[in-house]
């Protein structure tokens, strides 16, 4: 059995010990101090809860996909939609941090709430977390974005039928987790020790 919260009798299985507060040191270190205090505070609050949610999803997706226990953990269609949700969360973390880096580069504190184009924030994120391109962060983040975009239903007449197999472990989860793990190398000393989001 895989639990999402700690139980008093120490049952066997995965126990998620991280809290959103434990992510604050890492976020404080990577979110540029030049941003407006309100912008920093909102971004930190949003992302720390997303990161804990990603830990919980990974705690179910990995044992299901790798059959650690010798059997499945999740109903397969639920695993696919959970993998999609994991990608959405990773996209949000990358977009938030990348946008913060881009704003810093523009000497903009973010208070005007201007929309930042994907190419701009992805470029700013890669420049910090994978400046030489050796880790393929650009490709991985764009892949996460493509997975996230599959579910959009804003142009019904133009949308093709969703291939749910595109939300599988190898095609979607692993690249998304890799992208996040690369980002976590920035200010790595402040990443929660117990997290399952490390490489």
N, C-alpha and C. Protein backbone atom coordinates (compact mmCIF):
# COMPACT_ATOMS: atom_id res chain seq x y z
N UNK A 1 0.85 -1.19 0.00
CA UNK A 1 0.00 0.00 0.00
C UNK A 1 0.89 1.25 0.00
N UNK A 2 0.50 2.27 -0.73
CA UNK A 2 1.28 3.51 -0.83
C UNK A 2 0.45 4.65 -0.26
N UNK A 3 0.97 5.27 0.78
CA UNK A 3 0.25 6.31 1.48
C UNK A 3 0.74 7.68 1.07
N UNK A 4 -0.14 8.66 1.15
CA UNK A 4 0.21 10.03 0.82
C UNK A 4 0.41 10.87 2.08
N UNK A 5 0.23 10.31 3.22
CA UNK A 5 0.44 11.01 4.48
C UNK A 5 1.00 10.02 5.49
N UNK A 6 1.68 10.52 6.51
CA UNK A 6 2.28 9.64 7.48
C UNK A 6 1.22 9.09 8.43
N UNK A 7 1.26 7.79 8.66
CA UNK A 7 0.33 7.14 9.57
C UNK A 7 1.06 6.79 10.86
N UNK A 8 0.35 6.71 11.98
CA UNK A 8 1.02 6.57 13.28
C UNK A 8 1.72 5.25 13.52
N UNK A 9 1.31 4.17 12.84
CA UNK A 9 1.87 2.86 13.13
C UNK A 9 2.94 2.44 12.13
N UNK A 10 3.48 3.38 11.39
CA UNK A 10 4.58 3.12 10.46
C UNK A 10 4.28 1.95 9.53
N UNK A 11 3.23 2.06 8.71
CA UNK A 11 2.87 0.96 7.82
C UNK A 11 3.89 0.83 6.69
N UNK A 12 3.97 -0.35 6.06
CA UNK A 12 4.89 -0.52 4.95
C UNK A 12 4.43 0.30 3.75
N UNK A 13 5.38 0.72 2.92
CA UNK A 13 5.05 1.48 1.71
C UNK A 13 5.63 2.87 1.75
N UNK A 14 5.32 3.62 0.72
CA UNK A 14 5.87 4.97 0.59
C UNK A 14 5.16 5.94 1.52
N UNK A 15 5.91 6.73 2.26
CA UNK A 15 5.36 7.76 3.13
C UNK A 15 5.92 9.10 2.69
N UNK A 16 5.03 10.02 2.36
CA UNK A 16 5.48 11.34 1.91
C UNK A 16 5.72 12.23 3.11
N UNK A 17 6.97 12.64 3.32
CA UNK A 17 7.32 13.41 4.50
C UNK A 17 7.50 14.89 4.23
N UNK A 18 7.62 15.29 2.99
CA UNK A 18 7.88 16.70 2.68
C UNK A 18 6.64 17.55 2.94
N UNK A 19 6.89 18.79 3.29
CA UNK A 19 5.82 19.77 3.45
C UNK A 19 6.12 20.95 2.55
N UNK A 20 5.11 21.76 2.29
CA UNK A 20 5.33 22.92 1.43
C UNK A 20 6.35 23.87 2.04
N UNK A 21 6.39 23.96 3.36
CA UNK A 21 7.34 24.86 4.03
C UNK A 21 8.78 24.45 3.75
N UNK A 22 9.03 23.16 3.60
CA UNK A 22 10.39 22.69 3.34
C UNK A 22 10.91 23.12 1.97
N UNK A 23 9.99 23.48 1.08
CA UNK A 23 10.41 23.95 -0.25
C UNK A 23 10.74 25.44 -0.26
N UNK A 24 10.41 26.16 0.79
CA UNK A 24 10.62 27.61 0.78
C UNK A 24 12.09 28.02 0.66
N UNK A 25 13.04 27.36 1.35
CA UNK A 25 14.44 27.77 1.18
C UNK A 25 14.92 27.68 -0.27
N UNK A 26 14.54 26.59 -0.96
CA UNK A 26 14.96 26.46 -2.35
C UNK A 26 14.32 27.56 -3.20
N UNK A 27 13.04 27.78 -3.02
CA UNK A 27 12.36 28.82 -3.80
C UNK A 27 12.91 30.20 -3.49
N UNK A 28 13.19 30.48 -2.23
CA UNK A 28 13.78 31.77 -1.87
C UNK A 28 15.13 31.97 -2.55
N UNK A 29 15.86 30.86 -2.74
CA UNK A 29 17.17 30.96 -3.37
C UNK A 29 17.13 31.13 -4.87
N UNK A 30 16.12 30.57 -5.53
CA UNK A 30 16.08 30.63 -6.99
C UNK A 30 15.24 31.79 -7.53
N UNK A 31 14.22 32.22 -6.78
CA UNK A 31 13.41 33.35 -7.26
C UNK A 31 14.21 34.62 -7.07
N UNK A 32 14.49 35.36 -8.13
CA UNK A 32 15.36 36.54 -8.02
C UNK A 32 14.85 37.56 -7.01
N UNK A 33 15.77 38.06 -6.19
CA UNK A 33 15.43 39.05 -5.18
C UNK A 33 14.98 40.37 -5.79
N UNK A 34 15.31 40.60 -7.06
CA UNK A 34 14.96 41.86 -7.71
C UNK A 34 13.47 41.97 -8.03
N UNK A 35 12.74 40.87 -7.97
CA UNK A 35 11.31 40.94 -8.24
C UNK A 35 10.59 41.66 -7.09
N UNK A 36 9.44 42.23 -7.42
CA UNK A 36 8.62 42.88 -6.40
C UNK A 36 8.27 41.88 -5.30
N UNK A 37 8.24 42.33 -4.06
CA UNK A 37 8.00 41.43 -2.93
C UNK A 37 6.69 40.67 -3.07
N UNK A 38 5.66 41.34 -3.57
CA UNK A 38 4.37 40.65 -3.74
C UNK A 38 4.46 39.56 -4.80
N UNK A 39 5.19 39.84 -5.87
CA UNK A 39 5.36 38.86 -6.95
C UNK A 39 6.13 37.65 -6.42
N UNK A 40 7.20 37.92 -5.70
CA UNK A 40 7.99 36.82 -5.10
C UNK A 40 7.13 35.98 -4.17
N UNK A 41 6.35 36.65 -3.33
CA UNK A 41 5.54 35.93 -2.36
C UNK A 41 4.49 35.04 -3.01
N UNK A 42 3.83 35.56 -4.03
CA UNK A 42 2.80 34.76 -4.71
C UNK A 42 3.42 33.59 -5.44
N UNK A 43 4.55 33.83 -6.11
CA UNK A 43 5.21 32.75 -6.85
C UNK A 43 5.68 31.67 -5.88
N UNK A 44 6.28 32.07 -4.79
CA UNK A 44 6.74 31.09 -3.79
C UNK A 44 5.57 30.28 -3.24
N UNK A 45 4.48 30.94 -2.91
CA UNK A 45 3.30 30.25 -2.38
C UNK A 45 2.72 29.26 -3.39
N UNK A 46 2.61 29.69 -4.63
CA UNK A 46 2.06 28.82 -5.67
C UNK A 46 2.93 27.59 -5.89
N UNK A 47 4.23 27.82 -6.04
CA UNK A 47 5.11 26.73 -6.44
C UNK A 47 5.40 25.74 -5.32
N UNK A 48 5.42 26.19 -4.08
CA UNK A 48 5.71 25.24 -3.01
C UNK A 48 4.60 24.20 -2.87
N UNK A 49 3.37 24.59 -3.12
CA UNK A 49 2.28 23.63 -3.05
C UNK A 49 2.28 22.70 -4.28
N UNK A 50 2.62 23.25 -5.42
CA UNK A 50 2.73 22.42 -6.62
C UNK A 50 3.81 21.36 -6.44
N UNK A 51 4.96 21.75 -5.87
CA UNK A 51 6.07 20.81 -5.69
C UNK A 51 5.70 19.65 -4.77
N UNK A 52 4.98 19.93 -3.69
CA UNK A 52 4.53 18.85 -2.81
C UNK A 52 3.55 17.94 -3.55
N UNK A 53 2.68 18.53 -4.36
CA UNK A 53 1.76 17.73 -5.16
C UNK A 53 2.49 16.84 -6.14
N UNK A 54 3.58 17.35 -6.71
CA UNK A 54 4.37 16.54 -7.64
C UNK A 54 5.03 15.36 -6.94
N UNK A 55 5.47 15.57 -5.71
CA UNK A 55 6.04 14.45 -4.94
C UNK A 55 5.00 13.35 -4.75
N UNK A 56 3.79 13.74 -4.43
CA UNK A 56 2.73 12.75 -4.20
C UNK A 56 2.41 11.98 -5.48
N UNK A 57 2.35 12.69 -6.60
CA UNK A 57 2.05 12.02 -7.87
C UNK A 57 3.18 11.06 -8.25
N UNK A 58 4.43 11.52 -8.08
CA UNK A 58 5.57 10.66 -8.39
C UNK A 58 5.58 9.42 -7.51
N UNK A 59 5.12 9.57 -6.27
CA UNK A 59 5.09 8.44 -5.33
C UNK A 59 4.14 7.35 -5.77
N UNK A 60 3.18 7.67 -6.61
CA UNK A 60 2.25 6.68 -7.14
C UNK A 60 2.63 6.23 -8.55
N UNK A 61 3.07 7.18 -9.37
CA UNK A 61 3.37 6.87 -10.76
C UNK A 61 4.56 5.93 -10.88
N UNK A 62 5.65 6.21 -10.16
CA UNK A 62 6.87 5.40 -10.29
C UNK A 62 6.64 3.94 -9.90
N UNK A 63 6.08 3.65 -8.72
CA UNK A 63 5.87 2.22 -8.40
C UNK A 63 4.87 1.54 -9.30
N UNK A 64 3.92 2.31 -9.85
CA UNK A 64 2.98 1.70 -10.79
C UNK A 64 3.70 1.32 -12.09
N UNK A 65 4.46 2.26 -12.62
CA UNK A 65 5.12 2.02 -13.92
C UNK A 65 6.22 0.98 -13.84
N UNK A 66 6.94 0.95 -12.74
CA UNK A 66 8.07 0.03 -12.61
C UNK A 66 7.69 -1.28 -11.93
N UNK A 67 6.43 -1.35 -11.45
CA UNK A 67 5.90 -2.58 -10.81
C UNK A 67 6.82 -3.05 -9.69
N UNK A 68 7.22 -2.10 -8.84
CA UNK A 68 8.12 -2.42 -7.73
C UNK A 68 7.54 -3.53 -6.86
N UNK A 69 6.24 -3.47 -6.64
CA UNK A 69 5.60 -4.46 -5.76
C UNK A 69 5.20 -5.74 -6.50
N UNK A 70 5.47 -5.77 -7.80
CA UNK A 70 5.09 -6.93 -8.59
C UNK A 70 3.70 -6.84 -9.18
N UNK A 71 3.02 -5.75 -8.90
CA UNK A 71 1.68 -5.57 -9.45
C UNK A 71 1.43 -4.07 -9.65
N UNK A 72 0.36 -3.77 -10.34
CA UNK A 72 0.02 -2.37 -10.59
C UNK A 72 -0.47 -1.71 -9.30
N UNK A 73 -0.29 -0.41 -9.24
CA UNK A 73 -0.73 0.38 -8.09
C UNK A 73 -1.97 1.19 -8.44
N UNK A 74 -2.07 1.60 -9.69
CA UNK A 74 -3.14 2.47 -10.14
C UNK A 74 -3.94 1.82 -11.27
N UNK A 75 -5.18 2.20 -11.39
CA UNK A 75 -5.98 1.87 -12.56
C UNK A 75 -5.34 2.60 -13.73
N UNK A 76 -5.04 1.89 -14.83
CA UNK A 76 -4.21 2.43 -15.91
C UNK A 76 -4.69 3.79 -16.44
N UNK A 77 -5.98 3.97 -16.74
CA UNK A 77 -6.40 5.30 -17.22
C UNK A 77 -6.15 6.41 -16.21
N UNK A 78 -6.22 6.07 -14.90
CA UNK A 78 -5.93 7.08 -13.90
C UNK A 78 -4.46 7.42 -13.89
N UNK A 79 -3.60 6.42 -14.14
CA UNK A 79 -2.16 6.68 -14.22
C UNK A 79 -1.86 7.64 -15.36
N UNK A 80 -2.56 7.46 -16.48
CA UNK A 80 -2.32 8.35 -17.62
C UNK A 80 -2.71 9.79 -17.30
N UNK A 81 -3.86 9.99 -16.69
CA UNK A 81 -4.27 11.36 -16.38
C UNK A 81 -3.42 11.93 -15.26
N UNK A 82 -2.95 11.08 -14.34
CA UNK A 82 -2.05 11.57 -13.29
C UNK A 82 -0.70 11.98 -13.88
N UNK A 83 -0.25 11.24 -14.89
CA UNK A 83 0.99 11.61 -15.57
C UNK A 83 0.83 12.96 -16.27
N UNK A 84 -0.33 13.15 -16.89
CA UNK A 84 -0.62 14.45 -17.49
C UNK A 84 -0.58 15.55 -16.43
N UNK A 85 -1.20 15.30 -15.28
CA UNK A 85 -1.22 16.28 -14.19
C UNK A 85 0.21 16.57 -13.70
N UNK A 86 1.05 15.54 -13.66
CA UNK A 86 2.45 15.73 -13.27
C UNK A 86 3.13 16.68 -14.25
N UNK A 87 2.88 16.48 -15.54
CA UNK A 87 3.48 17.35 -16.56
C UNK A 87 2.98 18.78 -16.43
N UNK A 88 1.71 18.96 -16.14
CA UNK A 88 1.16 20.30 -15.95
C UNK A 88 1.86 20.98 -14.77
N UNK A 89 2.07 20.23 -13.69
CA UNK A 89 2.76 20.80 -12.53
C UNK A 89 4.19 21.17 -12.83
N UNK A 90 4.92 20.29 -13.52
CA UNK A 90 6.31 20.59 -13.89
C UNK A 90 6.35 21.81 -14.80
N UNK A 91 5.41 21.87 -15.76
CA UNK A 91 5.34 23.03 -16.64
C UNK A 91 5.18 24.31 -15.83
N UNK A 92 4.30 24.28 -14.84
CA UNK A 92 4.04 25.47 -14.03
C UNK A 92 5.28 25.91 -13.26
N UNK A 93 6.02 24.95 -12.70
CA UNK A 93 7.25 25.28 -11.98
C UNK A 93 8.27 25.89 -12.94
N UNK A 94 8.45 25.26 -14.08
CA UNK A 94 9.42 25.78 -15.07
C UNK A 94 9.01 27.14 -15.58
N UNK A 95 7.72 27.31 -15.87
CA UNK A 95 7.23 28.59 -16.37
C UNK A 95 7.41 29.69 -15.32
N UNK A 96 7.10 29.37 -14.07
CA UNK A 96 7.23 30.37 -13.02
C UNK A 96 8.66 30.80 -12.79
N UNK A 97 9.57 29.84 -12.66
CA UNK A 97 10.98 30.16 -12.41
C UNK A 97 11.60 30.80 -13.66
N UNK A 98 11.28 30.24 -14.84
CA UNK A 98 11.82 30.82 -16.07
C UNK A 98 11.36 32.25 -16.28
N UNK A 99 10.09 32.52 -15.99
CA UNK A 99 9.56 33.87 -16.12
C UNK A 99 10.25 34.82 -15.15
N UNK A 100 10.52 34.33 -13.94
CA UNK A 100 11.22 35.16 -12.94
C UNK A 100 12.63 35.49 -13.43
N UNK A 101 13.31 34.51 -14.02
CA UNK A 101 14.65 34.77 -14.56
C UNK A 101 14.58 35.79 -15.70
N UNK A 102 13.59 35.66 -16.57
CA UNK A 102 13.47 36.58 -17.71
C UNK A 102 13.20 37.99 -17.22
N UNK A 103 12.31 38.14 -16.23
CA UNK A 103 12.02 39.46 -15.68
C UNK A 103 13.27 40.10 -15.10
N UNK A 104 14.06 39.32 -14.38
CA UNK A 104 15.32 39.84 -13.83
C UNK A 104 16.23 40.34 -14.96
N UNK A 105 16.31 39.57 -16.02
CA UNK A 105 17.17 39.97 -17.13
C UNK A 105 16.71 41.26 -17.79
N UNK A 106 15.41 41.55 -17.69
CA UNK A 106 14.85 42.77 -18.30
C UNK A 106 14.80 43.93 -17.30
N UNK A 107 15.34 43.73 -16.11
CA UNK A 107 15.25 44.74 -15.04
C UNK A 107 13.80 45.11 -14.77
N UNK A 108 12.95 44.10 -14.76
CA UNK A 108 11.52 44.28 -14.55
C UNK A 108 11.15 43.54 -13.26
N UNK A 109 10.47 44.21 -12.35
CA UNK A 109 10.14 43.56 -11.08
C UNK A 109 8.87 42.72 -11.14
N UNK A 110 8.21 42.70 -12.31
CA UNK A 110 7.04 41.86 -12.49
C UNK A 110 5.73 42.45 -12.01
N UNK A 111 5.78 43.62 -11.39
CA UNK A 111 4.56 44.20 -10.81
C UNK A 111 3.52 44.57 -11.87
N UNK A 112 3.97 44.84 -13.10
CA UNK A 112 3.03 45.22 -14.17
C UNK A 112 2.29 44.02 -14.73
N UNK A 113 2.70 42.82 -14.36
CA UNK A 113 2.02 41.58 -14.74
C UNK A 113 1.96 41.36 -16.25
N UNK A 114 3.01 41.72 -16.95
CA UNK A 114 3.05 41.50 -18.40
C UNK A 114 3.15 40.01 -18.70
N UNK A 115 2.49 39.58 -19.78
CA UNK A 115 2.58 38.18 -20.19
C UNK A 115 3.95 37.93 -20.82
N UNK A 116 4.55 36.81 -20.47
CA UNK A 116 5.89 36.47 -20.97
C UNK A 116 5.76 35.30 -21.93
N UNK A 117 6.23 35.47 -23.13
CA UNK A 117 6.12 34.46 -24.18
C UNK A 117 6.93 33.21 -23.81
N UNK A 118 6.44 32.02 -24.17
CA UNK A 118 7.16 30.78 -23.84
C UNK A 118 8.62 30.77 -24.28
N UNK A 119 8.91 31.25 -25.49
CA UNK A 119 10.30 31.23 -25.93
C UNK A 119 11.19 32.07 -25.03
N UNK A 120 10.62 33.15 -24.48
CA UNK A 120 11.41 34.02 -23.59
C UNK A 120 11.71 33.34 -22.26
N UNK A 121 10.67 32.77 -21.62
CA UNK A 121 10.94 32.19 -20.30
C UNK A 121 11.71 30.87 -20.41
N UNK A 122 11.47 30.11 -21.49
CA UNK A 122 12.25 28.87 -21.67
C UNK A 122 13.72 29.22 -21.89
N UNK A 123 13.97 30.22 -22.71
CA UNK A 123 15.35 30.63 -22.95
C UNK A 123 16.05 31.10 -21.69
N UNK A 124 15.33 31.87 -20.86
CA UNK A 124 15.92 32.35 -19.60
C UNK A 124 16.18 31.20 -18.64
N UNK A 125 15.27 30.22 -18.60
CA UNK A 125 15.43 29.06 -17.72
C UNK A 125 16.65 28.24 -18.14
N UNK A 126 16.77 27.98 -19.42
CA UNK A 126 17.88 27.18 -19.94
C UNK A 126 19.21 27.90 -19.72
N UNK A 127 19.23 29.22 -19.87
CA UNK A 127 20.46 29.98 -19.69
C UNK A 127 21.03 29.83 -18.28
N UNK A 128 20.15 29.62 -17.30
CA UNK A 128 20.61 29.46 -15.92
C UNK A 128 20.86 27.99 -15.58
N UNK A 129 19.93 27.11 -15.94
CA UNK A 129 19.99 25.72 -15.48
C UNK A 129 20.75 24.78 -16.40
N UNK A 130 20.91 25.15 -17.66
CA UNK A 130 21.62 24.29 -18.62
C UNK A 130 22.29 25.17 -19.68
N UNK A 131 23.19 26.05 -19.25
CA UNK A 131 23.75 27.06 -20.15
C UNK A 131 24.49 26.51 -21.36
N UNK A 132 25.05 25.32 -21.25
CA UNK A 132 25.80 24.74 -22.37
C UNK A 132 24.97 23.75 -23.18
N UNK A 133 23.73 23.53 -22.77
CA UNK A 133 22.85 22.62 -23.50
C UNK A 133 23.17 21.16 -23.35
N UNK A 134 24.06 20.82 -22.43
CA UNK A 134 24.50 19.43 -22.29
C UNK A 134 23.41 18.52 -21.74
N UNK A 135 22.43 19.09 -21.05
CA UNK A 135 21.40 18.28 -20.40
C UNK A 135 20.08 18.25 -21.18
N UNK A 136 20.04 18.93 -22.31
CA UNK A 136 18.85 18.96 -23.17
C UNK A 136 17.62 19.52 -22.45
N UNK A 137 17.84 20.49 -21.55
CA UNK A 137 16.71 21.05 -20.82
C UNK A 137 15.72 21.72 -21.76
N UNK A 138 16.20 22.40 -22.78
CA UNK A 138 15.30 23.07 -23.72
C UNK A 138 14.34 22.06 -24.36
N UNK A 139 14.87 20.96 -24.84
CA UNK A 139 14.05 19.93 -25.47
C UNK A 139 13.06 19.34 -24.48
N UNK A 140 13.52 19.09 -23.27
CA UNK A 140 12.65 18.46 -22.27
C UNK A 140 11.52 19.39 -21.83
N UNK A 141 11.83 20.67 -21.64
CA UNK A 141 10.78 21.61 -21.24
C UNK A 141 9.76 21.78 -22.36
N UNK A 142 10.23 21.85 -23.59
CA UNK A 142 9.30 21.97 -24.72
C UNK A 142 8.45 20.70 -24.86
N UNK A 143 9.02 19.56 -24.52
CA UNK A 143 8.25 18.32 -24.53
C UNK A 143 7.17 18.32 -23.45
N UNK A 144 7.51 18.84 -22.28
CA UNK A 144 6.52 18.97 -21.20
C UNK A 144 5.40 19.90 -21.64
N UNK A 145 5.75 20.99 -22.29
CA UNK A 145 4.74 21.94 -22.78
C UNK A 145 3.83 21.27 -23.81
N UNK A 146 4.42 20.47 -24.70
CA UNK A 146 3.62 19.79 -25.72
C UNK A 146 2.63 18.81 -25.08
N UNK A 147 3.06 18.12 -24.03
CA UNK A 147 2.16 17.22 -23.32
C UNK A 147 1.03 18.00 -22.66
N UNK A 148 1.38 19.08 -22.00
CA UNK A 148 0.37 19.94 -21.36
C UNK A 148 -0.65 20.44 -22.37
N UNK A 149 -0.17 20.81 -23.56
CA UNK A 149 -1.05 21.41 -24.58
C UNK A 149 -2.00 20.40 -25.21
N UNK A 150 -1.72 19.10 -25.07
CA UNK A 150 -2.56 18.09 -25.72
C UNK A 150 -4.00 18.14 -25.23
N UNK A 151 -4.19 18.51 -24.00
CA UNK A 151 -5.52 18.44 -23.39
C UNK A 151 -6.37 19.68 -23.68
N UNK A 152 -5.76 20.72 -24.25
CA UNK A 152 -6.51 21.95 -24.53
C UNK A 152 -7.71 21.66 -25.44
N UNK A 153 -8.84 22.22 -25.09
CA UNK A 153 -10.06 22.02 -25.87
C UNK A 153 -10.63 23.36 -26.34
N UNK A 154 -9.75 24.32 -26.58
CA UNK A 154 -10.19 25.67 -26.90
C UNK A 154 -10.61 25.83 -28.37
N UNK A 155 -10.19 24.91 -29.24
CA UNK A 155 -10.58 24.96 -30.65
C UNK A 155 -11.12 23.58 -31.03
N UNK A 156 -12.34 23.33 -30.65
CA UNK A 156 -12.88 21.97 -30.77
C UNK A 156 -12.83 21.44 -32.19
N UNK A 157 -13.14 22.27 -33.16
CA UNK A 157 -13.14 21.81 -34.54
C UNK A 157 -11.77 21.47 -35.07
N UNK A 158 -10.72 22.00 -34.41
CA UNK A 158 -9.35 21.77 -34.88
C UNK A 158 -8.63 20.70 -34.08
N UNK A 159 -9.23 20.25 -32.99
CA UNK A 159 -8.55 19.30 -32.12
C UNK A 159 -8.73 17.87 -32.61
N UNK A 160 -7.61 17.15 -32.64
CA UNK A 160 -7.68 15.73 -32.98
C UNK A 160 -7.98 14.94 -31.72
N UNK A 161 -8.34 13.69 -31.91
CA UNK A 161 -8.60 12.82 -30.77
C UNK A 161 -7.32 12.64 -29.97
N UNK A 162 -7.42 12.74 -28.66
CA UNK A 162 -6.24 12.62 -27.80
C UNK A 162 -5.75 11.18 -27.78
N UNK A 163 -4.46 11.00 -28.02
CA UNK A 163 -3.84 9.69 -27.89
C UNK A 163 -3.40 9.54 -26.44
N UNK A 164 -4.17 8.82 -25.66
CA UNK A 164 -3.88 8.71 -24.24
C UNK A 164 -2.57 7.98 -23.97
N UNK A 165 -2.09 7.22 -24.94
CA UNK A 165 -0.80 6.55 -24.77
C UNK A 165 0.35 7.54 -24.76
N UNK A 166 0.09 8.76 -25.24
CA UNK A 166 1.13 9.79 -25.21
C UNK A 166 1.40 10.26 -23.79
N UNK A 167 0.53 9.88 -22.85
CA UNK A 167 0.72 10.25 -21.45
C UNK A 167 1.36 9.11 -20.66
N UNK A 168 2.15 8.30 -21.33
CA UNK A 168 2.70 7.16 -20.60
C UNK A 168 3.99 7.53 -19.87
N UNK A 169 4.53 6.56 -19.18
CA UNK A 169 5.68 6.79 -18.29
C UNK A 169 6.92 7.27 -19.07
N UNK A 170 7.26 6.53 -20.13
CA UNK A 170 8.48 6.87 -20.86
C UNK A 170 8.38 8.13 -21.68
N UNK A 171 7.24 8.35 -22.33
CA UNK A 171 7.09 9.51 -23.20
C UNK A 171 6.85 10.82 -22.47
N UNK A 172 6.19 10.74 -21.33
CA UNK A 172 5.78 11.97 -20.65
C UNK A 172 6.37 12.14 -19.25
N UNK A 173 6.21 11.13 -18.41
CA UNK A 173 6.65 11.30 -17.02
C UNK A 173 8.16 11.45 -16.90
N UNK A 174 8.91 10.54 -17.51
CA UNK A 174 10.36 10.55 -17.35
C UNK A 174 10.99 11.86 -17.85
N UNK A 175 10.65 12.35 -19.05
CA UNK A 175 11.23 13.64 -19.47
C UNK A 175 10.83 14.80 -18.57
N UNK A 176 9.58 14.78 -18.06
CA UNK A 176 9.14 15.86 -17.18
C UNK A 176 9.92 15.82 -15.86
N UNK A 177 10.09 14.63 -15.30
CA UNK A 177 10.84 14.50 -14.05
C UNK A 177 12.30 14.88 -14.27
N UNK A 178 12.86 14.51 -15.43
CA UNK A 178 14.23 14.89 -15.75
C UNK A 178 14.38 16.42 -15.83
N UNK A 179 13.42 17.07 -16.48
CA UNK A 179 13.47 18.54 -16.59
C UNK A 179 13.46 19.18 -15.21
N UNK A 180 12.58 18.69 -14.34
CA UNK A 180 12.50 19.25 -13.00
C UNK A 180 13.78 18.97 -12.22
N UNK A 181 14.33 17.77 -12.37
CA UNK A 181 15.57 17.43 -11.66
C UNK A 181 16.72 18.34 -12.09
N UNK A 182 16.77 18.70 -13.36
CA UNK A 182 17.80 19.63 -13.84
C UNK A 182 17.63 20.98 -13.17
N UNK A 183 16.39 21.46 -13.11
CA UNK A 183 16.12 22.75 -12.47
C UNK A 183 16.49 22.71 -10.99
N UNK A 184 16.27 21.58 -10.34
CA UNK A 184 16.57 21.47 -8.92
C UNK A 184 18.07 21.49 -8.63
N UNK A 185 18.90 21.38 -9.66
CA UNK A 185 20.34 21.50 -9.46
C UNK A 185 20.76 22.95 -9.22
N UNK A 186 19.88 23.89 -9.57
CA UNK A 186 20.13 25.30 -9.25
C UNK A 186 19.81 25.47 -7.77
N UNK A 187 20.80 25.91 -7.00
CA UNK A 187 20.62 26.05 -5.55
C UNK A 187 20.28 24.70 -4.91
N UNK A 188 20.97 23.66 -5.39
CA UNK A 188 20.64 22.29 -4.99
C UNK A 188 20.74 22.04 -3.50
N UNK A 189 21.57 22.78 -2.81
CA UNK A 189 21.75 22.56 -1.38
C UNK A 189 20.52 22.84 -0.55
N UNK A 190 19.57 23.58 -1.10
CA UNK A 190 18.36 23.92 -0.36
C UNK A 190 17.15 23.08 -0.77
N UNK A 191 17.35 22.12 -1.66
CA UNK A 191 16.26 21.20 -2.02
C UNK A 191 16.00 20.28 -0.84
N UNK A 192 14.74 20.04 -0.47
CA UNK A 192 14.45 19.15 0.67
C UNK A 192 15.15 17.80 0.52
N UNK A 193 15.77 17.36 1.57
CA UNK A 193 16.57 16.13 1.54
C UNK A 193 15.72 14.92 1.18
N UNK A 194 14.49 14.87 1.70
CA UNK A 194 13.67 13.67 1.54
C UNK A 194 12.90 13.62 0.23
N UNK A 195 13.00 14.63 -0.62
CA UNK A 195 12.16 14.66 -1.81
C UNK A 195 12.47 13.51 -2.77
N UNK A 196 11.45 13.04 -3.45
CA UNK A 196 11.61 12.00 -4.48
C UNK A 196 11.72 12.61 -5.87
N UNK A 197 11.91 13.93 -5.95
CA UNK A 197 12.00 14.61 -7.24
C UNK A 197 13.45 14.80 -7.69
N UNK A 198 14.39 14.39 -6.89
CA UNK A 198 15.80 14.45 -7.29
C UNK A 198 16.05 13.41 -8.38
N UNK A 199 17.19 13.54 -9.07
CA UNK A 199 17.52 12.53 -10.10
C UNK A 199 17.56 11.12 -9.53
